[in-house]
């Protein structure tokens, strides 16, 4: 039986956010928006969902006088992402 895919990570935008954060120490909102091509509103909603699941942390501050939101993957998020990737690999291997 194939493993269940985490529905929280199965969303295209949330998966993109997690993929980016898995490869960096942290990323600010503007960087994530540019990399994903998401609208500010949609990105904000998806970040909130990942934060509520404890997959990422969000730190709000300022760069000079400009507000800055920085996101970082948590160990829980890293584990969930790793399990998701492993599950996808299992799906691929099964279909060979």
PDB file of N, CA and C in Angstrom:
ATOM      1  N   UNK A   1       0.843  -1.179   0.000  1.00  0.00           N
ATOM      2  CA  UNK A   1       0.000   0.000   0.000  1.00  0.00           C
ATOM      3  C   UNK A   1       0.892   1.246   0.000  1.00  0.00           C
ATOM      4  N   UNK A   2       0.548   2.198  -0.838  1.00  0.00           N
ATOM      5  CA  UNK A   2       1.335   3.423  -0.945  1.00  0.00           C
ATOM      6  C   UNK A   2       1.066   4.343   0.237  1.00  0.00           C
ATOM      7  N   UNK A   3       2.086   5.092   0.652  1.00  0.00           N
ATOM      8  CA  UNK A   3       1.903   6.025   1.776  1.00  0.00           C
ATOM      9  C   UNK A   3       0.982   7.182   1.388  1.00  0.00           C
ATOM     10  N   UNK A   4       0.291   7.706   2.383  1.00  0.00           N
ATOM     11  CA  UNK A   4      -0.589   8.855   2.167  1.00  0.00           C
ATOM     12  C   UNK A   4       0.265  10.116   2.014  1.00  0.00           C
ATOM     13  N   UNK A   5      -0.124  10.960   1.075  1.00  0.00           N
ATOM     14  CA  UNK A   5       0.559  12.241   0.889  1.00  0.00           C
ATOM     15  C   UNK A   5      -0.041  13.277   1.833  1.00  0.00           C
ATOM     16  N   UNK A   6       0.804  14.017   2.495  1.00  0.00           N
ATOM     17  CA  UNK A   6       0.382  15.065   3.428  1.00  0.00           C
ATOM     18  C   UNK A   6      -0.435  16.104   2.659  1.00  0.00           C
ATOM     19  N   UNK A   7      -1.744  16.230   2.955  1.00  0.00           N
ATOM     20  CA  UNK A   7      -2.581  17.175   2.209  1.00  0.00           C
ATOM     21  C   UNK A   7      -2.137  18.630   2.363  1.00  0.00           C
ATOM     22  N   UNK A   8      -1.501  18.949   3.480  1.00  0.00           N
ATOM     23  CA  UNK A   8      -1.021  20.318   3.675  1.00  0.00           C
ATOM     24  C   UNK A   8       0.097  20.641   2.685  1.00  0.00           C
ATOM     25  N   UNK A   9       0.937  19.656   2.391  1.00  0.00           N
ATOM     26  CA  UNK A   9       2.043  19.884   1.470  1.00  0.00           C
ATOM     27  C   UNK A   9       1.663  19.604   0.022  1.00  0.00           C
ATOM     28  N   UNK A  10       0.518  19.003  -0.189  1.00  0.00           N
ATOM     29  CA  UNK A  10       0.117  18.637  -1.547  1.00  0.00           C
ATOM     30  C   UNK A  10      -0.362  19.838  -2.364  1.00  0.00           C
ATOM     31  N   UNK A  11      -0.558  20.961  -1.713  1.00  0.00           N
ATOM     32  CA  UNK A  11      -0.909  22.196  -2.402  1.00  0.00           C
ATOM     33  C   UNK A  11       0.329  22.720  -3.139  1.00  0.00           C
ATOM     34  N   UNK A  12       0.148  23.141  -4.374  1.00  0.00           N
ATOM     35  CA  UNK A  12       1.278  23.590  -5.187  1.00  0.00           C
ATOM     36  C   UNK A  12       2.059  24.734  -4.530  1.00  0.00           C
ATOM     37  N   UNK A  13       1.369  25.741  -4.032  1.00  0.00           N
ATOM     38  CA  UNK A  13       2.059  26.889  -3.453  1.00  0.00           C
ATOM     39  C   UNK A  13       2.723  26.530  -2.121  1.00  0.00           C
ATOM     40  N   UNK A  14       2.029  25.779  -1.271  1.00  0.00           N
ATOM     41  CA  UNK A  14       2.649  25.398   0.004  1.00  0.00           C
ATOM     42  C   UNK A  14       3.859  24.500  -0.228  1.00  0.00           C
ATOM     43  N   UNK A  15       3.771  23.611  -1.208  1.00  0.00           N
ATOM     44  CA  UNK A  15       4.914  22.761  -1.538  1.00  0.00           C
ATOM     45  C   UNK A  15       6.075  23.601  -2.057  1.00  0.00           C
ATOM     46  N   UNK A  16       5.788  24.607  -2.857  1.00  0.00           N
ATOM     47  CA  UNK A  16       6.837  25.502  -3.358  1.00  0.00           C
ATOM     48  C   UNK A  16       7.500  26.262  -2.210  1.00  0.00           C
ATOM     49  N   UNK A  17       6.713  26.766  -1.283  1.00  0.00           N
ATOM     50  CA  UNK A  17       7.261  27.490  -0.125  1.00  0.00           C
ATOM     51  C   UNK A  17       8.184  26.575   0.664  1.00  0.00           C
ATOM     52  N   UNK A  18       7.709  25.364   0.947  1.00  0.00           N
ATOM     53  CA  UNK A  18       8.510  24.418   1.727  1.00  0.00           C
ATOM     54  C   UNK A  18       9.772  24.009   0.980  1.00  0.00           C
ATOM     55  N   UNK A  19       9.671  23.830  -0.319  1.00  0.00           N
ATOM     56  CA  UNK A  19      10.847  23.460  -1.126  1.00  0.00           C
ATOM     57  C   UNK A  19      11.912  24.549  -1.058  1.00  0.00           C
ATOM     58  N   UNK A  20      11.481  25.783  -1.140  1.00  0.00           N
ATOM     59  CA  UNK A  20      12.418  26.914  -1.059  1.00  0.00           C
ATOM     60  C   UNK A  20      13.042  26.970   0.329  1.00  0.00           C
ATOM     61  N   UNK A  21      12.208  26.902   1.365  1.00  0.00           N
ATOM     62  CA  UNK A  21      12.711  27.033   2.735  1.00  0.00           C
ATOM     63  C   UNK A  21      13.595  25.864   3.150  1.00  0.00           C
ATOM     64  N   UNK A  22      13.399  24.705   2.546  1.00  0.00           N
ATOM     65  CA  UNK A  22      14.231  23.539   2.871  1.00  0.00           C
ATOM     66  C   UNK A  22      15.676  23.748   2.410  1.00  0.00           C
ATOM     67  N   UNK A  23      15.874  24.632   1.453  1.00  0.00           N
ATOM     68  CA  UNK A  23      17.203  24.841   0.899  1.00  0.00           C
ATOM     69  C   UNK A  23      17.927  26.087   1.379  1.00  0.00           C
ATOM     70  N   UNK A  24      17.286  26.863   2.234  1.00  0.00           N
ATOM     71  CA  UNK A  24      17.897  28.109   2.728  1.00  0.00           C
ATOM     72  C   UNK A  24      17.719  28.204   4.246  1.00  0.00           C
ATOM     73  N   UNK A  25      18.492  29.067   4.861  1.00  0.00           N
ATOM     74  CA  UNK A  25      18.332  29.268   6.305  1.00  0.00           C
ATOM     75  C   UNK A  25      17.007  29.955   6.607  1.00  0.00           C
ATOM     76  N   UNK A  26      16.666  30.972   5.810  1.00  0.00           N
ATOM     77  CA  UNK A  26      15.402  31.679   5.932  1.00  0.00           C
ATOM     78  C   UNK A  26      15.165  32.441   4.633  1.00  0.00           C
ATOM     79  N   UNK A  27      13.938  32.899   4.464  1.00  0.00           N
ATOM     80  CA  UNK A  27      13.604  33.674   3.269  1.00  0.00           C
ATOM     81  C   UNK A  27      12.558  34.712   3.636  1.00  0.00           C
ATOM     82  N   UNK A  28      12.703  35.903   3.075  1.00  0.00           N
ATOM     83  CA  UNK A  28      11.705  36.925   3.367  1.00  0.00           C
ATOM     84  C   UNK A  28      10.530  36.817   2.396  1.00  0.00           C
ATOM     85  N   UNK A  29       9.454  37.478   2.768  1.00  0.00           N
ATOM     86  CA  UNK A  29       8.200  37.423   2.024  1.00  0.00           C
ATOM     87  C   UNK A  29       8.405  37.830   0.563  1.00  0.00           C
ATOM     88  N   UNK A  30       9.166  38.871   0.339  1.00  0.00           N
ATOM     89  CA  UNK A  30       9.386  39.368  -1.025  1.00  0.00           C
ATOM     90  C   UNK A  30      10.098  38.328  -1.882  1.00  0.00           C
ATOM     91  N   UNK A  31      11.080  37.653  -1.298  1.00  0.00           N
ATOM     92  CA  UNK A  31      11.797  36.605  -2.018  1.00  0.00           C
ATOM     93  C   UNK A  31      10.848  35.455  -2.357  1.00  0.00           C
ATOM     94  N   UNK A  32      10.067  35.012  -1.377  1.00  0.00           N
ATOM     95  CA  UNK A  32       9.119  33.921  -1.627  1.00  0.00           C
ATOM     96  C   UNK A  32       8.092  34.305  -2.686  1.00  0.00           C
ATOM     97  N   UNK A  33       7.627  35.537  -2.629  1.00  0.00           N
ATOM     98  CA  UNK A  33       6.645  36.015  -3.612  1.00  0.00           C
ATOM     99  C   UNK A  33       7.258  36.000  -5.012  1.00  0.00           C
ATOM    100  N   UNK A  34       8.483  36.459  -5.128  1.00  0.00           N
ATOM    101  CA  UNK A  34       9.151  36.475  -6.423  1.00  0.00           C
ATOM    102  C   UNK A  34       9.426  35.082  -6.972  1.00  0.00           C
ATOM    103  N   UNK A  35       9.834  34.191  -6.100  1.00  0.00           N
ATOM    104  CA  UNK A  35      10.157  32.823  -6.529  1.00  0.00           C
ATOM    105  C   UNK A  35       8.923  32.018  -6.907  1.00  0.00           C
ATOM    106  N   UNK A  36       7.816  32.251  -6.208  1.00  0.00           N
ATOM    107  CA  UNK A  36       6.605  31.465  -6.457  1.00  0.00           C
ATOM    108  C   UNK A  36       5.661  32.103  -7.465  1.00  0.00           C
ATOM    109  N   UNK A  37       5.768  33.412  -7.651  1.00  0.00           N
ATOM    110  CA  UNK A  37       4.851  34.114  -8.544  1.00  0.00           C
ATOM    111  C   UNK A  37       3.462  34.280  -7.942  1.00  0.00           C
ATOM    112  N   UNK A  38       3.332  34.049  -6.649  1.00  0.00           N
ATOM    113  CA  UNK A  38       2.038  34.142  -5.972  1.00  0.00           C
ATOM    114  C   UNK A  38       1.674  35.598  -5.698  1.00  0.00           C
ATOM    115  N   UNK A  39       0.392  35.830  -5.515  1.00  0.00           N
ATOM    116  CA  UNK A  39      -0.042  37.156  -5.093  1.00  0.00           C
ATOM    117  C   UNK A  39       0.271  37.289  -3.601  1.00  0.00           C
ATOM    118  N   UNK A  40       0.360  38.508  -3.132  1.00  0.00           N
ATOM    119  CA  UNK A  40       0.640  38.745  -1.706  1.00  0.00           C
ATOM    120  C   UNK A  40      -0.409  38.096  -0.818  1.00  0.00           C
ATOM    121  N   UNK A  41      -1.671  38.237  -1.187  1.00  0.00           N
ATOM    122  CA  UNK A  41      -2.757  37.684  -0.381  1.00  0.00           C
ATOM    123  C   UNK A  41      -2.705  36.168  -0.297  1.00  0.00           C
ATOM    124  N   UNK A  42      -2.519  35.510  -1.441  1.00  0.00           N
ATOM    125  CA  UNK A  42      -2.469  34.051  -1.461  1.00  0.00           C
ATOM    126  C   UNK A  42      -1.248  33.544  -0.705  1.00  0.00           C
ATOM    127  N   UNK A  43      -0.113  34.185  -0.911  1.00  0.00           N
ATOM    128  CA  UNK A  43       1.102  33.778  -0.212  1.00  0.00           C
ATOM    129  C   UNK A  43       0.922  33.916   1.289  1.00  0.00           C
ATOM    130  N   UNK A  44       0.332  34.998   1.723  1.00  0.00           N
ATOM    131  CA  UNK A  44       0.089  35.241   3.137  1.00  0.00           C
ATOM    132  C   UNK A  44      -0.794  34.154   3.753  1.00  0.00           C
ATOM    133  N   UNK A  45      -1.862  33.789   3.056  1.00  0.00           N
ATOM    134  CA  UNK A  45      -2.775  32.750   3.535  1.00  0.00           C
ATOM    135  C   UNK A  45      -2.045  31.413   3.672  1.00  0.00           C
ATOM    136  N   UNK A  46      -1.227  31.068   2.669  1.00  0.00           N
ATOM    137  CA  UNK A  46      -0.526  29.781   2.700  1.00  0.00           C
ATOM    138  C   UNK A  46       0.559  29.766   3.785  1.00  0.00           C
ATOM    139  N   UNK A  47       1.210  30.881   3.987  1.00  0.00           N
ATOM    140  CA  UNK A  47       2.196  30.986   5.076  1.00  0.00           C
ATOM    141  C   UNK A  47       1.502  30.802   6.419  1.00  0.00           C
ATOM    142  N   UNK A  48       0.324  31.388   6.578  1.00  0.00           N
ATOM    143  CA  UNK A  48      -0.441  31.217   7.820  1.00  0.00           C
ATOM    144  C   UNK A  48      -0.775  29.746   8.061  1.00  0.00           C
ATOM    145  N   UNK A  49      -1.167  29.026   7.021  1.00  0.00           N
ATOM    146  CA  UNK A  49      -1.502  27.600   7.160  1.00  0.00           C
ATOM    147  C   UNK A  49      -0.273  26.789   7.565  1.00  0.00           C
ATOM    148  N   UNK A  50       0.878  27.076   6.965  1.00  0.00           N
ATOM    149  CA  UNK A  50       2.109  26.361   7.311  1.00  0.00           C
ATOM    150  C   UNK A  50       2.560  26.704   8.729  1.00  0.00           C
ATOM    151  N   UNK A  51       2.339  27.946   9.132  1.00  0.00           N
ATOM    152  CA  UNK A  51       2.685  28.364  10.495  1.00  0.00           C
ATOM    153  C   UNK A  51       1.787  27.667  11.511  1.00  0.00           C
ATOM    154  N   UNK A  52       0.494  27.589  11.226  1.00  0.00           N
ATOM    155  CA  UNK A  52      -0.452  26.935  12.138  1.00  0.00           C
ATOM    156  C   UNK A  52      -0.105  25.460  12.337  1.00  0.00           C
ATOM    157  N   UNK A  53       0.473  24.832  11.314  1.00  0.00           N
ATOM    158  CA  UNK A  53       0.874  23.421  11.406  1.00  0.00           C
ATOM    159  C   UNK A  53       2.256  23.257  12.038  1.00  0.00           C
ATOM    160  N   UNK A  54       2.898  24.380  12.397  1.00  0.00           N
ATOM    161  CA  UNK A  54       4.251  24.383  12.947  1.00  0.00           C
ATOM    162  C   UNK A  54       5.279  23.869  11.941  1.00  0.00           C
ATOM    163  N   UNK A  55       5.001  24.042  10.647  1.00  0.00           N
ATOM    164  CA  UNK A  55       5.959  23.650   9.611  1.00  0.00           C
ATOM    165  C   UNK A  55       6.974  24.764   9.364  1.00  0.00           C
ATOM    166  N   UNK A  56       6.554  26.000   9.632  1.00  0.00           N
ATOM    167  CA  UNK A  56       7.464  27.142   9.494  1.00  0.00           C
ATOM    168  C   UNK A  56       7.237  28.108  10.655  1.00  0.00           C
ATOM    169  N   UNK A  57       8.219  28.966  10.868  1.00  0.00           N
ATOM    170  CA  UNK A  57       8.052  30.076  11.812  1.00  0.00           C
ATOM    171  C   UNK A  57       8.115  31.364  11.009  1.00  0.00           C
ATOM    172  N   UNK A  58       7.455  32.379  11.529  1.00  0.00           N
ATOM    173  CA  UNK A  58       7.422  33.685  10.876  1.00  0.00           C
ATOM    174  C   UNK A  58       7.894  34.729  11.867  1.00  0.00           C
ATOM    175  N   UNK A  59       8.822  35.553  11.423  1.00  0.00           N
ATOM    176  CA  UNK A  59       9.332  36.644  12.247  1.00  0.00           C
ATOM    177  C   UNK A  59       9.082  37.952  11.510  1.00  0.00           C
ATOM    178  N   UNK A  60       8.432  38.870  12.176  1.00  0.00           N
ATOM    179  CA  UNK A  60       8.139  40.176  11.563  1.00  0.00           C
ATOM    180  C   UNK A  60       9.061  41.219  12.166  1.00  0.00           C
ATOM    181  N   UNK A  61       9.595  42.047  11.307  1.00  0.00           N
ATOM    182  CA  UNK A  61      10.490  43.099  11.760  1.00  0.00           C
ATOM    183  C   UNK A  61      10.571  44.186  10.710  1.00  0.00           C
ATOM    184  N   UNK A  62      11.674  44.899  10.709  1.00  0.00           N
ATOM    185  CA  UNK A  62      11.865  45.992   9.752  1.00  0.00           C
ATOM    186  C   UNK A  62      13.265  45.924   9.161  1.00  0.00           C
ATOM    187  N   UNK A  63      13.370  46.279   7.889  1.00  0.00           N
ATOM    188  CA  UNK A  63      14.643  46.530   7.220  1.00  0.00           C
ATOM    189  C   UNK A  63      14.639  48.029   6.965  1.00  0.00           C
ATOM    190  N   UNK A  64      15.343  48.739   7.798  1.00  0.00           N
ATOM    191  CA  UNK A  64      15.239  50.190   7.755  1.00  0.00           C
ATOM    192  C   UNK A  64      13.851  50.568   8.227  1.00  0.00           C
ATOM    193  N   UNK A  65      13.119  51.274   7.367  1.00  0.00           N
ATOM    194  CA  UNK A  65      11.755  51.671   7.724  1.00  0.00           C
ATOM    195  C   UNK A  65      10.703  50.773   7.083  1.00  0.00           C
ATOM    196  N   UNK A  66      11.165  49.801   6.307  1.00  0.00           N
ATOM    197  CA  UNK A  66      10.247  48.915   5.592  1.00  0.00           C
ATOM    198  C   UNK A  66       9.949  47.662   6.422  1.00  0.00           C
ATOM    199  N   UNK A  67       8.668  47.266   6.508  1.00  0.00           N
ATOM    200  CA  UNK A  67       8.346  46.025   7.212  1.00  0.00           C
ATOM    201  C   UNK A  67       8.945  44.828   6.477  1.00  0.00           C
ATOM    202  N   UNK A  68       9.350  43.828   7.244  1.00  0.00           N
ATOM    203  CA  UNK A  68       9.965  42.641   6.664  1.00  0.00           C
ATOM    204  C   UNK A  68       9.443  41.402   7.398  1.00  0.00           C
ATOM    205  N   UNK A  69       8.913  40.458   6.640  1.00  0.00           N
ATOM    206  CA  UNK A  69       8.444  39.188   7.180  1.00  0.00           C
ATOM    207  C   UNK A  69       9.406  38.108   6.722  1.00  0.00           C
ATOM    208  N   UNK A  70       9.982  37.389   7.680  1.00  0.00           N
ATOM    209  CA  UNK A  70      10.960  36.347   7.367  1.00  0.00           C
ATOM    210  C   UNK A  70      10.422  34.994   7.803  1.00  0.00           C
ATOM    211  N   UNK A  71      10.530  34.005   6.919  1.00  0.00           N
ATOM    212  CA  UNK A  71      10.038  32.659   7.191  1.00  0.00           C
ATOM    213  C   UNK A  71      11.216  31.691   7.292  1.00  0.00           C
ATOM    214  N   UNK A  72      11.041  30.708   8.166  1.00  0.00           N
ATOM    215  CA  UNK A  72      12.073  29.692   8.378  1.00  0.00           C
ATOM    216  C   UNK A  72      11.387  28.357   8.613  1.00  0.00           C
ATOM    217  N   UNK A  73      11.910  27.297   8.008  1.00  0.00           N
ATOM    218  CA  UNK A  73      11.346  25.969   8.198  1.00  0.00           C
ATOM    219  C   UNK A  73      11.704  25.454   9.591  1.00  0.00           C
ATOM    220  N   UNK A  74      10.776  24.758  10.228  1.00  0.00           N
ATOM    221  CA  UNK A  74      11.021  24.169  11.541  1.00  0.00           C
ATOM    222  C   UNK A  74      11.472  22.715  11.353  1.00  0.00           C
ATOM    223  N   UNK A  75      11.907  22.083  12.433  1.00  0.00           N
ATOM    224  CA  UNK A  75      12.267  20.668  12.333  1.00  0.00           C
ATOM    225  C   UNK A  75      11.036  19.833  11.991  1.00  0.00           C
ATOM    226  N   UNK A  76       9.889  20.200  12.544  1.00  0.00           N
ATOM    227  CA  UNK A  76       8.641  19.507  12.208  1.00  0.00           C
ATOM    228  C   UNK A  76       8.360  19.627  10.709  1.00  0.00           C
ATOM    229  N   UNK A  77       8.540  20.828  10.180  1.00  0.00           N
ATOM    230  CA  UNK A  77       8.334  21.060   8.755  1.00  0.00           C
ATOM    231  C   UNK A  77       9.339  20.315   7.904  1.00  0.00           C
ATOM    232  N   UNK A  78      10.588  20.300   8.339  1.00  0.00           N
ATOM    233  CA  UNK A  78      11.633  19.581   7.609  1.00  0.00           C
ATOM    234  C   UNK A  78      11.325  18.080   7.568  1.00  0.00           C
ATOM    235  N   UNK A  79      10.873  17.545   8.694  1.00  0.00           N
ATOM    236  CA  UNK A  79      10.509  16.122   8.752  1.00  0.00           C
ATOM    237  C   UNK A  79       9.321  15.824   7.850  1.00  0.00           C
ATOM    238  N   UNK A  80       8.288  16.670   7.892  1.00  0.00           N
ATOM    239  CA  UNK A  80       7.099  16.483   7.060  1.00  0.00           C
ATOM    240  C   UNK A  80       7.463  16.571   5.576  1.00  0.00           C
ATOM    241  N   UNK A  81       8.318  17.522   5.231  1.00  0.00           N
ATOM    242  CA  UNK A  81       8.739  17.682   3.842  1.00  0.00           C
ATOM    243  C   UNK A  81       9.523  16.448   3.384  1.00  0.00           C
ATOM    244  N   UNK A  82      10.420  15.974   4.224  1.00  0.00           N
ATOM    245  CA  UNK A  82      11.215  14.789   3.905  1.00  0.00           C
ATOM    246  C   UNK A  82      10.318  13.564   3.705  1.00  0.00           C
ATOM    247  N   UNK A  83       9.326  13.397   4.575  1.00  0.00           N
ATOM    248  CA  UNK A  83       8.389  12.280   4.446  1.00  0.00           C
ATOM    249  C   UNK A  83       7.563  12.400   3.164  1.00  0.00           C
ATOM    250  N   UNK A  84       7.191  13.621   2.812  1.00  0.00           N
ATOM    251  CA  UNK A  84       6.423  13.854   1.586  1.00  0.00           C
ATOM    252  C   UNK A  84       7.249  13.466   0.360  1.00  0.00           C
ATOM    253  N   UNK A  85       8.505  13.882   0.342  1.00  0.00           N
ATOM    254  CA  UNK A  85       9.391  13.565  -0.784  1.00  0.00           C
ATOM    255  C   UNK A  85       9.607  12.052  -0.863  1.00  0.00           C
ATOM    256  N   UNK A  86       9.814  11.418   0.279  1.00  0.00           N
ATOM    257  CA  UNK A  86       9.990   9.962   0.306  1.00  0.00           C
ATOM    258  C   UNK A  86       8.748   9.243  -0.219  1.00  0.00           C
ATOM    259  N   UNK A  87       7.577   9.738   0.165  1.00  0.00           N
ATOM    260  CA  UNK A  87       6.334   9.139  -0.314  1.00  0.00           C
ATOM    261  C   UNK A  87       6.216   9.282  -1.828  1.00  0.00           C
ATOM    262  N   UNK A  88       6.577  10.445  -2.355  1.00  0.00           N
ATOM    263  CA  UNK A  88       6.542  10.644  -3.809  1.00  0.00           C
ATOM    264  C   UNK A  88       7.512   9.693  -4.503  1.00  0.00           C
ATOM    265  N   UNK A  89       8.683   9.515  -3.930  1.00  0.00           N
ATOM    266  CA  UNK A  89       9.658   8.594  -4.507  1.00  0.00           C
ATOM    267  C   UNK A  89       9.112   7.171  -4.526  1.00  0.00           C
ATOM    268  N   UNK A  90       8.386   6.806  -3.478  1.00  0.00           N
ATOM    269  CA  UNK A  90       7.776   5.483  -3.418  1.00  0.00           C
ATOM    270  C   UNK A  90       6.725   5.324  -4.517  1.00  0.00           C
ATOM    271  N   UNK A  91       5.936   6.369  -4.748  1.00  0.00           N
ATOM    272  CA  UNK A  91       4.949   6.332  -5.834  1.00  0.00           C
ATOM    273  C   UNK A  91       5.653   6.135  -7.168  1.00  0.00           C
ATOM    274  N   UNK A  92       6.749   6.838  -7.384  1.00  0.00           N
ATOM    275  CA  UNK A  92       7.491   6.738  -8.643  1.00  0.00           C
ATOM    276  C   UNK A  92       8.072   5.342  -8.821  1.00  0.00           C
ATOM    277  N   UNK A  93       8.664   4.791  -7.777  1.00  0.00           N
ATOM    278  CA  UNK A  93       9.259   3.458  -7.854  1.00  0.00           C
ATOM    279  C   UNK A  93       8.213   2.382  -8.126  1.00  0.00           C
ATOM    280  N   UNK A  94       7.020   2.553  -7.575  1.00  0.00           N
ATOM    281  CA  UNK A  94       5.954   1.581  -7.748  1.00  0.00           C
ATOM    282  C   UNK A  94       5.504   1.517  -9.202  1.00  0.00           C
ATOM    283  N   UNK A  95       5.575   2.626  -9.895  1.00  0.00           N
ATOM    284  CA  UNK A  95       5.079   2.695 -11.274  1.00  0.00           C
ATOM    285  C   UNK A  95       6.136   2.398 -12.319  1.00  0.00           C
ATOM    286  N   UNK A  96       7.309   1.960 -11.909  1.00  0.00           N
ATOM    287  CA  UNK A  96       8.371   1.635 -12.891  1.00  0.00           C
ATOM    288  C   UNK A  96       8.179   0.247 -13.428  1.00  0.00           C
TER     289      UNK A  96
END
